[in-house]
Each structure stands twice: as structure tokens, then as C-alpha cells.
Amino acid sequence: MKIIDLTERSDEPTRDLLRPVALAIKNGDLAILPTMTYYGLCADALNPDAVGRVFKAKGRDPSKPLIVLVDSFEMLKPLVEGVPPIARELEWRLGAKGLTYVLKASRRLPSELTAGGDTVAVRLERNEVVQEILALVGQPLTAPSANREGEEPPRNVDEAIRQLRDWIEIAVRWYSSSATAPTTLVDLTCEVPTVLREGTVAAADIAKVVDAA
């Protein structure tokens, strides 16, 4: 297993340092990456075999769908049946604090990813490391927390490696996460946006944006 340490000084641009990570993901391997909350177990979201390995690595119930990370609404569009205007408003107002949107899934998505359902949870990821990886891979990534089911989500790469070493090809060492909660999960498939899980963004703040839209 290879670890890319971005906390060390280097004359190489960050994107060049991360090229081996992107290559591994393109090859169907799993990677541990920092995200805007906890460290995540990442793979090519459109590769059914890689997605299947994420479930096995975590010991995750295959009936529980995976979150998908994108770097823009442009990357999001092919993954869903449509992007409601409120998604852009919420992202502009509150996205930096951490929002994940439930949207109608495109048939393009592997059934393994959505657990056979017709919706998908998507986040426009703000972590700069993941943004670079998404740009290099050119595909959305899966990114559930990098822990075995039932364990605490990892705040640093060493906690993640301890649990998943046998499953991963490469990991990125970045600074420890200060997260105390996951992102807030908002269902945008219904007429009125509904908070399914309150996390880094308060439900009251979402309601204010919705009411003003």
C-alpha cells in the first residue's frame, strides 16, 4: 500500500503528487482520502466492481446505498434525472458547511451504488484534495467513511488504514479532520425539501433558504 503525504513540503504541484491516486482509482482500486468531514473510502462510482469492493471492505449491508462525490453541477447532471433550482440555491448559501442531496438517480448509475433504488445521495465536495482527484479522474467517486461498519468514522488517515489496510491500494495523508458530525442530508425528490439527517447544517437554516427561494 502506498501513502501520499501531502503534509510534507514538496516542490511538486499537488496535482502531480496525486496522479498515482487518480490512476489507482481509474484502475478500479480503492483509496483513502480526506473529505470535508471524515476520511472516506473512495472508488470510481461508475465501476460496479470497485463499488462492490467498497461494500466488502466496510462490511456494509448491500441494501444501504453509497454517497457520491462530484466537483460541480456539470459532473452531477449525468448522474441524476434532473437538478431542481433549489439545489443550486442551497449549495450557494450553505454548501460550504456540508450538504448532501438526495436526487432521482439516472439509469446510468450502477445498481450496486444505489442499492437497487431510484435515488442517489450526492455531495459537491469542497475538500481541495478530493477536488483535485475528481478533476484528474473525471468521474464521480464513492466516499462512505473509511471505517468498518459499526466503528467510529476516522478523523485521520492512520485510523482509516488500521481498519481497511487489506483492501486499499493507496491513501492520502492530509491534516486531521475536526468534524463532529456528518453532512446534513436533504431529500430534494419531494415537493418540499426534507431534512433526512441533520448534521453540519441546521434544519432551520435550510428552511430559511427554502422559504426565501
C-alpha atoms as a PDB file:
ATOM      1  CA  MET A   1       0.000   0.000   0.000  1.00  0.00           C
ATOM      2  CA  LYS A   2       1.270   3.461  -0.905  1.00  0.00           C
ATOM      3  CA  ILE A   3       0.732   6.607   1.160  1.00  0.00           C
ATOM      4  CA  ILE A   4       0.913  10.052  -0.451  1.00  0.00           C
ATOM      5  CA  ASP A   5       1.885  12.500   2.304  1.00  0.00           C
ATOM      6  CA  LEU A   6       0.651  15.984   1.487  1.00  0.00           C
ATOM      7  CA  THR A   7       1.677  17.335   4.883  1.00  0.00           C
ATOM      8  CA  GLU A   8       5.354  17.229   3.874  1.00  0.00           C
ATOM      9  CA  ARG A   9       6.950  20.049   1.915  1.00  0.00           C
ATOM     10  CA  SER A  10       7.370  19.325  -1.781  1.00  0.00           C
ATOM     11  CA  ASP A  11       8.349  21.270  -4.877  1.00  0.00           C
ATOM     12  CA  GLU A  12       5.899  19.229  -6.940  1.00  0.00           C
ATOM     13  CA  PRO A  13       2.427  20.640  -7.583  1.00  0.00           C
ATOM     14  CA  THR A  14      -0.293  18.926  -5.549  1.00  0.00           C
ATOM     15  CA  ARG A  15      -1.981  17.683  -8.714  1.00  0.00           C
ATOM     16  CA  ASP A  16       1.185  15.873  -9.791  1.00  0.00           C
ATOM     17  CA  LEU A  17       1.567  14.275  -6.366  1.00  0.00           C
ATOM     18  CA  LEU A  18      -1.986  12.992  -6.617  1.00  0.00           C
ATOM     19  CA  ARG A  19      -1.718  11.465 -10.094  1.00  0.00           C
ATOM     20  CA  PRO A  20      -0.923   7.979  -8.697  1.00  0.00           C
ATOM     21  CA  VAL A  21      -4.125   8.164  -6.651  1.00  0.00           C
ATOM     22  CA  ALA A  22      -6.185   9.023  -9.706  1.00  0.00           C
ATOM     23  CA  LEU A  23      -4.540   6.216 -11.682  1.00  0.00           C
ATOM     24  CA  ALA A  24      -5.305   3.692  -8.946  1.00  0.00           C
ATOM     25  CA  ILE A  25      -8.965   4.762  -8.864  1.00  0.00           C
ATOM     26  CA  LYS A  26      -9.205   4.571 -12.654  1.00  0.00           C
ATOM     27  CA  ASN A  27      -7.828   1.016 -12.406  1.00  0.00           C
ATOM     28  CA  GLY A  28     -10.647   0.040 -10.046  1.00  0.00           C
ATOM     29  CA  ASP A  29      -8.658   0.205  -6.804  1.00  0.00           C
ATOM     30  CA  LEU A  30      -9.822   1.694  -3.513  1.00  0.00           C
ATOM     31  CA  ALA A  31      -8.268   4.780  -1.925  1.00  0.00           C
ATOM     32  CA  ILE A  32      -8.499   6.557   1.409  1.00  0.00           C
ATOM     33  CA  LEU A  33      -8.934  10.310   1.010  1.00  0.00           C
ATOM     34  CA  PRO A  34      -9.716  13.217   3.312  1.00  0.00           C
ATOM     35  CA  THR A  35     -13.123  14.799   2.745  1.00  0.00           C
ATOM     36  CA  MET A  36     -14.839  17.863   4.172  1.00  0.00           C
ATOM     37  CA  THR A  37     -15.975  15.737   7.119  1.00  0.00           C
ATOM     38  CA  TYR A  38     -14.204  12.439   7.846  1.00  0.00           C
ATOM     39  CA  TYR A  39     -11.704  10.385   5.852  1.00  0.00           C
ATOM     40  CA  GLY A  40     -13.508   8.483   3.107  1.00  0.00           C
ATOM     41  CA  LEU A  41     -13.159   5.153   1.333  1.00  0.00           C
ATOM     42  CA  CYS A  42     -13.159   6.198  -2.301  1.00  0.00           C
ATOM     43  CA  ALA A  43     -13.603   4.425  -5.609  1.00  0.00           C
ATOM     44  CA  ASP A  44     -14.860   5.114  -9.124  1.00  0.00           C
ATOM     45  CA  ALA A  45     -18.602   5.438  -8.591  1.00  0.00           C
ATOM     46  CA  LEU A  46     -19.352   4.198 -12.117  1.00  0.00           C
ATOM     47  CA  ASN A  47     -17.294   0.996 -11.782  1.00  0.00           C
ATOM     48  CA  PRO A  48     -19.600  -1.750 -10.407  1.00  0.00           C
ATOM     49  CA  ASP A  49     -16.683  -3.980  -9.370  1.00  0.00           C
ATOM     50  CA  ALA A  50     -14.995  -1.162  -7.459  1.00  0.00           C
ATOM     51  CA  VAL A  51     -18.284  -0.228  -5.810  1.00  0.00           C
ATOM     52  CA  GLY A  52     -18.760  -3.852  -4.778  1.00  0.00           C
ATOM     53  CA  ARG A  53     -15.324  -3.864  -3.156  1.00  0.00           C
ATOM     54  CA  VAL A  54     -16.268  -0.793  -1.104  1.00  0.00           C
ATOM     55  CA  PHE A  55     -19.170  -2.740   0.400  1.00  0.00           C
ATOM     56  CA  LYS A  56     -16.952  -5.732   1.158  1.00  0.00           C
ATOM     57  CA  ALA A  57     -14.174  -3.616   2.652  1.00  0.00           C
ATOM     58  CA  LYS A  58     -16.560  -1.862   5.031  1.00  0.00           C
ATOM     59  CA  GLY A  59     -18.642  -4.949   5.773  1.00  0.00           C
ATOM     60  CA  ARG A  60     -21.576  -2.819   4.690  1.00  0.00           C
ATOM     61  CA  ASP A  61     -25.088  -4.102   4.140  1.00  0.00           C
ATOM     62  CA  PRO A  62     -25.608  -4.069   0.321  1.00  0.00           C
ATOM     63  CA  SER A  63     -29.102  -2.677   0.890  1.00  0.00           C
ATOM     64  CA  LYS A  64     -27.552   0.588   2.119  1.00  0.00           C
ATOM     65  CA  PRO A  65     -26.656   2.853  -0.859  1.00  0.00           C
ATOM     66  CA  LEU A  66     -23.410   4.810  -1.079  1.00  0.00           C
ATOM     67  CA  ILE A  67     -22.839   8.546  -1.237  1.00  0.00           C
ATOM     68  CA  VAL A  68     -21.340  10.016  -4.413  1.00  0.00           C
ATOM     69  CA  LEU A  69     -18.942  12.971  -4.600  1.00  0.00           C
ATOM     70  CA  VAL A  70     -18.770  15.345  -7.574  1.00  0.00           C
ATOM     71  CA  ASP A  71     -16.823  18.538  -8.184  1.00  0.00           C
ATOM     72  CA  SER A  72     -19.550  20.535  -9.913  1.00  0.00           C
ATOM     73  CA  PHE A  73     -23.136  20.576 -11.095  1.00  0.00           C
ATOM     74  CA  GLU A  74     -21.793  19.695 -14.543  1.00  0.00           C
ATOM     75  CA  MET A  75     -20.402  16.406 -13.203  1.00  0.00           C
ATOM     76  CA  LEU A  76     -23.658  15.855 -11.339  1.00  0.00           C
ATOM     77  CA  LYS A  77     -26.035  16.264 -14.285  1.00  0.00           C
ATOM     78  CA  PRO A  78     -25.424  12.874 -15.992  1.00  0.00           C
ATOM     79  CA  LEU A  79     -25.936  11.054 -12.684  1.00  0.00           C
ATOM     80  CA  VAL A  80     -29.476  12.252 -11.969  1.00  0.00           C
ATOM     81  CA  GLU A  81     -32.791  12.740 -13.724  1.00  0.00           C
ATOM     82  CA  GLY A  82     -32.740  16.454 -13.028  1.00  0.00           C
ATOM     83  CA  VAL A  83     -31.316  19.120 -10.722  1.00  0.00           C
ATOM     84  CA  PRO A  84     -34.012  21.290  -9.130  1.00  0.00           C
ATOM     85  CA  PRO A  85     -33.222  25.014  -8.833  1.00  0.00           C
ATOM     86  CA  ILE A  86     -33.335  24.804  -5.042  1.00  0.00           C
ATOM     87  CA  ALA A  87     -30.232  22.591  -5.134  1.00  0.00           C
ATOM     88  CA  ARG A  88     -28.173  25.424  -6.597  1.00  0.00           C
ATOM     89  CA  GLU A  89     -29.608  27.888  -4.089  1.00  0.00           C
ATOM     90  CA  LEU A  90     -28.855  25.630  -1.136  1.00  0.00           C
ATOM     91  CA  GLU A  91     -25.365  24.904  -2.408  1.00  0.00           C
ATOM     92  CA  TRP A  92     -24.613  28.584  -2.878  1.00  0.00           C
ATOM     93  CA  ARG A  93     -25.911  29.540   0.552  1.00  0.00           C
ATOM     94  CA  LEU A  94     -24.925  26.556   2.694  1.00  0.00           C
ATOM     95  CA  GLY A  95     -22.877  24.086   0.661  1.00  0.00           C
ATOM     96  CA  ALA A  96     -19.559  25.079   2.232  1.00  0.00           C
ATOM     97  CA  LYS A  97     -20.879  23.891   5.608  1.00  0.00           C
ATOM     98  CA  GLY A  98     -21.717  20.438   4.252  1.00  0.00           C
ATOM     99  CA  LEU A  99     -24.852  19.390   2.391  1.00  0.00           C
ATOM    100  CA  THR A 100     -25.673  16.093   0.733  1.00  0.00           C
ATOM    101  CA  TYR A 101     -28.631  15.958  -1.652  1.00  0.00           C
ATOM    102  CA  VAL A 102     -30.916  13.015  -2.404  1.00  0.00           C
ATOM    103  CA  LEU A 103     -31.969  13.175  -6.063  1.00  0.00           C
ATOM    104  CA  LYS A 104     -33.614  10.901  -8.612  1.00  0.00           C
ATOM    105  CA  ALA A 105     -30.885   8.612  -9.934  1.00  0.00           C
ATOM    106  CA  SER A 106     -30.045   8.193 -13.598  1.00  0.00           C
ATOM    107  CA  ARG A 107     -30.212   4.684 -15.021  1.00  0.00           C
ATOM    108  CA  ARG A 108     -26.534   5.169 -15.873  1.00  0.00           C
ATOM    109  CA  LEU A 109     -25.585   4.543 -12.260  1.00  0.00           C
ATOM    110  CA  PRO A 110     -24.616   1.008 -11.193  1.00  0.00           C
ATOM    111  CA  SER A 111     -27.389  -0.654  -9.211  1.00  0.00           C
ATOM    112  CA  GLU A 112     -24.752  -1.585  -6.618  1.00  0.00           C
ATOM    113  CA  LEU A 113     -24.251   2.109  -5.909  1.00  0.00           C
ATOM    114  CA  THR A 114     -27.929   2.882  -5.309  1.00  0.00           C
ATOM    115  CA  ALA A 115     -28.710  -0.494  -3.688  1.00  0.00           C
ATOM    116  CA  GLY A 116     -31.247  -1.011  -6.459  1.00  0.00           C
ATOM    117  CA  GLY A 117     -33.187   2.115  -5.536  1.00  0.00           C
ATOM    118  CA  ASP A 118     -34.185   5.033  -7.717  1.00  0.00           C
ATOM    119  CA  THR A 119     -32.408   7.781  -5.763  1.00  0.00           C
ATOM    120  CA  VAL A 120     -28.796   8.735  -5.116  1.00  0.00           C
ATOM    121  CA  ALA A 121     -27.141  10.849  -2.413  1.00  0.00           C
ATOM    122  CA  VAL A 122     -24.681  13.345  -3.901  1.00  0.00           C
ATOM    123  CA  ARG A 123     -22.361  15.957  -2.433  1.00  0.00           C
ATOM    124  CA  LEU A 124     -20.447  18.705  -4.190  1.00  0.00           C
ATOM    125  CA  GLU A 125     -17.213  18.091  -2.334  1.00  0.00           C
ATOM    126  CA  ARG A 126     -15.313  21.124  -1.056  1.00  0.00           C
ATOM    127  CA  ASN A 127     -12.155  19.391   0.197  1.00  0.00           C
ATOM    128  CA  GLU A 128      -9.295  20.545  -2.036  1.00  0.00           C
ATOM    129  CA  VAL A 129      -7.633  17.121  -2.188  1.00  0.00           C
ATOM    130  CA  VAL A 130     -10.802  15.424  -3.419  1.00  0.00           C
ATOM    131  CA  GLN A 131     -11.415  18.249  -5.868  1.00  0.00           C
ATOM    132  CA  GLU A 132      -8.023  17.571  -7.441  1.00  0.00           C
ATOM    133  CA  ILE A 133      -8.704  13.824  -7.595  1.00  0.00           C
ATOM    134  CA  LEU A 134     -12.113  14.371  -9.189  1.00  0.00           C
ATOM    135  CA  ALA A 135     -10.538  16.614 -11.823  1.00  0.00           C
ATOM    136  CA  LEU A 136      -7.865  14.011 -12.575  1.00  0.00           C
ATOM    137  CA  VAL A 137     -10.236  11.032 -12.659  1.00  0.00           C
ATOM    138  CA  GLY A 138     -13.004  12.885 -14.496  1.00  0.00           C
ATOM    139  CA  GLN A 139     -15.584  10.652 -12.826  1.00  0.00           C
ATOM    140  CA  PRO A 140     -17.642  10.846  -9.633  1.00  0.00           C
ATOM    141  CA  LEU A 141     -16.337   8.998  -6.585  1.00  0.00           C
ATOM    142  CA  THR A 142     -17.954   6.969  -3.865  1.00  0.00           C
ATOM    143  CA  ALA A 143     -16.944   8.180  -0.421  1.00  0.00           C
ATOM    144  CA  PRO A 144     -18.509   6.497   2.606  1.00  0.00           C
ATOM    145  CA  SER A 145     -16.478   6.973   5.772  1.00  0.00           C
ATOM    146  CA  ALA A 146     -13.325   4.835   5.763  1.00  0.00           C
ATOM    147  CA  ASN A 147     -14.236   2.531   8.618  1.00  0.00           C
ATOM    148  CA  ARG A 148     -15.717  -0.874   9.150  1.00  0.00           C
ATOM    149  CA  GLU A 149     -19.448  -0.802   9.826  1.00  0.00           C
ATOM    150  CA  GLY A 150     -20.115  -0.072  13.461  1.00  0.00           C
ATOM    151  CA  GLU A 151     -16.766   1.634  14.067  1.00  0.00           C
ATOM    152  CA  GLU A 152     -16.216   5.359  14.545  1.00  0.00           C
ATOM    153  CA  PRO A 153     -15.552   7.322  11.327  1.00  0.00           C
ATOM    154  CA  PRO A 154     -11.824   8.137  11.068  1.00  0.00           C
ATOM    155  CA  ARG A 155     -10.506  11.655  11.570  1.00  0.00           C
ATOM    156  CA  ASN A 156      -7.018  10.848  10.269  1.00  0.00           C
ATOM    157  CA  VAL A 157      -5.522   8.511   7.710  1.00  0.00           C
ATOM    158  CA  ASP A 158      -3.897   6.200  10.262  1.00  0.00           C
ATOM    159  CA  GLU A 159      -7.261   5.386  11.863  1.00  0.00           C
ATOM    160  CA  ALA A 160      -8.623   4.515   8.435  1.00  0.00           C
ATOM    161  CA  ILE A 161      -5.631   2.400   7.414  1.00  0.00           C
ATOM    162  CA  ARG A 162      -5.812   0.448  10.672  1.00  0.00           C
ATOM    163  CA  GLN A 163      -9.280  -0.774   9.728  1.00  0.00           C
ATOM    164  CA  LEU A 164      -9.008  -1.152   5.961  1.00  0.00           C
ATOM    165  CA  ARG A 165      -5.347  -1.868   5.193  1.00  0.00           C
ATOM    166  CA  ASP A 166      -6.063  -5.169   3.441  1.00  0.00           C
ATOM    167  CA  TRP A 167      -8.471  -3.563   0.980  1.00  0.00           C
ATOM    168  CA  ILE A 168      -6.791  -0.388  -0.194  1.00  0.00           C
ATOM    169  CA  GLU A 169      -4.128   0.308  -2.778  1.00  0.00           C
ATOM    170  CA  ILE A 170      -3.315   3.902  -1.871  1.00  0.00           C
ATOM    171  CA  ALA A 171      -4.062   6.557   0.747  1.00  0.00           C
ATOM    172  CA  VAL A 172      -3.529  10.287   1.140  1.00  0.00           C
ATOM    173  CA  ARG A 173      -2.215  11.749   4.350  1.00  0.00           C
ATOM    174  CA  TRP A 174      -3.742  15.159   4.951  1.00  0.00           C
ATOM    175  CA  TYR A 175      -4.482  17.045   8.128  1.00  0.00           C
ATOM    176  CA  SER A 176      -6.704  15.523  10.785  1.00  0.00           C
ATOM    177  CA  SER A 177     -10.402  16.257  10.486  1.00  0.00           C
ATOM    178  CA  SER A 178     -12.112  18.407  13.098  1.00  0.00           C
ATOM    179  CA  ALA A 179     -15.545  17.101  12.090  1.00  0.00           C
ATOM    180  CA  THR A 180     -18.031  16.396  14.853  1.00  0.00           C
ATOM    181  CA  ALA A 181     -20.946  15.424  12.608  1.00  0.00           C
ATOM    182  CA  PRO A 182     -21.651  14.166   9.085  1.00  0.00           C
ATOM    183  CA  THR A 183     -23.097  16.438   6.417  1.00  0.00           C
ATOM    184  CA  THR A 184     -26.780  17.252   6.524  1.00  0.00           C
ATOM    185  CA  LEU A 185     -28.829  15.024   4.200  1.00  0.00           C
ATOM    186  CA  VAL A 186     -31.620  16.757   2.286  1.00  0.00           C
ATOM    187  CA  ASP A 187     -34.205  14.955   0.157  1.00  0.00           C
ATOM    188  CA  LEU A 188     -34.920  17.011  -2.965  1.00  0.00           C
ATOM    189  CA  THR A 189     -37.115  14.415  -4.652  1.00  0.00           C
ATOM    190  CA  CYS A 190     -40.264  15.651  -2.933  1.00  0.00           C
ATOM    191  CA  GLU A 191     -42.216  18.855  -3.435  1.00  0.00           C
ATOM    192  CA  VAL A 192     -40.818  20.422  -0.274  1.00  0.00           C
ATOM    193  CA  PRO A 193     -37.142  19.679   0.563  1.00  0.00           C
ATOM    194  CA  THR A 194     -36.985  17.419   3.594  1.00  0.00           C
ATOM    195  CA  VAL A 195     -34.069  17.011   6.018  1.00  0.00           C
ATOM    196  CA  LEU A 196     -33.445  13.285   6.446  1.00  0.00           C
ATOM    197  CA  ARG A 197     -30.403  13.710   8.701  1.00  0.00           C
ATOM    198  CA  GLU A 198     -29.369  16.878  10.483  1.00  0.00           C
ATOM    199  CA  GLY A 199     -25.612  17.243  10.624  1.00  0.00           C
ATOM    200  CA  THR A 200     -23.255  20.104   9.846  1.00  0.00           C
ATOM    201  CA  VAL A 201     -26.110  22.365   8.672  1.00  0.00           C
ATOM    202  CA  ALA A 202     -29.109  23.058  10.888  1.00  0.00           C
ATOM    203  CA  ALA A 203     -32.540  22.161   9.526  1.00  0.00           C
ATOM    204  CA  ALA A 204     -33.710  25.660  10.443  1.00  0.00           C
ATOM    205  CA  ASP A 205     -31.083  27.203   8.159  1.00  0.00           C
ATOM    206  CA  ILE A 206     -32.241  25.033   5.263  1.00  0.00           C
ATOM    207  CA  ALA A 207     -35.843  26.006   5.917  1.00  0.00           C
ATOM    208  CA  LYS A 208     -34.893  29.707   5.699  1.00  0.00           C
ATOM    209  CA  VAL A 209     -33.295  29.208   2.282  1.00  0.00           C
ATOM    210  CA  VAL A 210     -36.255  27.175   1.016  1.00  0.00           C
ATOM    211  CA  ASP A 211     -38.785  29.711   2.279  1.00  0.00           C
ATOM    212  CA  ALA A 212     -36.894  32.578   0.626  1.00  0.00           C
ATOM    213  CA  ALA A 213     -36.445  30.830  -2.724  1.00  0.00           C
END
